[in-house]
Amino acid sequence: MAAVDVDGSTLWTARANRSLMPASTMKVVTAAVALEVLGPNWRPLTSVTYDSATRTLADAVRPQSKR
């Protein structure tokens, strides 16, 4: 795995010659895009509620603006 700057210079490598499963590769791509778009300080707001009448556990993730 390797991280490369837009000018082509290598920023970081770890076992760069090892083949990875496509899903693992896509997780890295997704994380890199999220970091670029949302920024390093973005955090989701998550709440969890329990309805005792229906015995249902529900969660909600709401976007939060950059800090």
Protein backbone atom coordinates (compact mmCIF):
# COMPACT_ATOMS: atom_id res chain seq x y z
CA MET A 1 0.00 0.00 0.00
CA ALA A 2 1.30 3.47 -0.73
CA ALA A 3 0.16 7.07 -0.46
CA VAL A 4 1.37 9.25 -3.30
CA ASP A 5 1.15 13.03 -3.57
CA VAL A 6 -0.42 14.66 -6.63
CA ASP A 7 3.05 15.38 -8.00
CA GLY A 8 3.89 11.66 -7.81
CA SER A 9 6.18 11.71 -4.78
CA THR A 10 5.70 8.87 -2.30
CA LEU A 11 4.38 10.04 1.06
CA TRP A 12 4.06 6.65 2.79
CA THR A 13 4.37 2.94 2.01
CA ALA A 14 3.62 -0.27 3.88
CA ARG A 15 4.10 -3.66 2.24
CA ALA A 16 3.76 -1.96 -1.14
CA ASN A 17 4.51 -5.19 -3.04
CA ARG A 18 1.72 -7.13 -1.34
CA SER A 19 -1.52 -7.74 -3.26
CA LEU A 20 -4.65 -6.58 -1.45
CA MET A 21 -8.26 -7.58 -1.79
CA PRO A 22 -10.24 -4.99 -3.82
CA ALA A 23 -12.52 -4.21 -0.85
CA SER A 24 -9.52 -3.27 1.28
CA THR A 25 -8.20 -1.06 -1.47
CA MET A 26 -11.55 0.67 -1.85
CA LYS A 27 -11.70 1.34 1.91
CA VAL A 28 -8.43 3.23 1.64
CA VAL A 29 -9.69 5.19 -1.38
CA THR A 30 -12.97 6.01 0.41
CA ALA A 31 -11.11 7.14 3.53
CA ALA A 32 -8.75 9.33 1.48
CA VAL A 33 -11.65 11.01 -0.34
CA ALA A 34 -13.56 11.53 2.93
CA LEU A 35 -10.48 13.10 4.50
CA GLU A 36 -10.00 15.40 1.51
CA VAL A 37 -13.67 16.46 1.31
CA LEU A 38 -14.61 16.58 5.00
CA GLY A 39 -11.27 17.51 6.51
CA PRO A 40 -9.38 15.95 9.42
CA ASN A 41 -11.54 17.57 12.12
CA TRP A 42 -14.94 16.37 10.90
CA ARG A 43 -16.87 14.17 13.34
CA PRO A 44 -20.34 12.65 12.93
CA LEU A 45 -22.95 13.21 15.62
CA THR A 46 -24.45 9.88 16.63
CA SER A 47 -27.39 9.26 18.94
CA VAL A 48 -28.89 5.99 20.12
CA THR A 49 -32.45 5.62 21.40
CA TYR A 50 -34.37 2.72 22.88
CA ASP A 51 -38.15 2.34 22.64
CA SER A 52 -39.23 0.11 25.52
CA ALA A 53 -42.73 -0.32 24.07
CA THR A 54 -41.43 -1.94 20.89
CA ARG A 55 -38.05 -3.05 22.30
CA THR A 56 -36.34 -1.33 19.40
CA LEU A 57 -32.86 0.11 19.42
CA ALA A 58 -32.32 2.83 16.82
CA ASP A 59 -29.39 5.01 15.90
CA ALA A 60 -29.00 8.09 13.81
CA VAL A 61 -25.92 9.72 12.34
CA ARG A 62 -26.24 13.38 11.54
CA PRO A 63 -23.60 15.31 9.62
CA GLN A 64 -21.70 17.88 11.62
CA SER A 65 -20.03 20.91 10.15
CA LYS A 66 -16.25 21.21 10.17
CA ARG A 67 -14.80 22.47 13.43
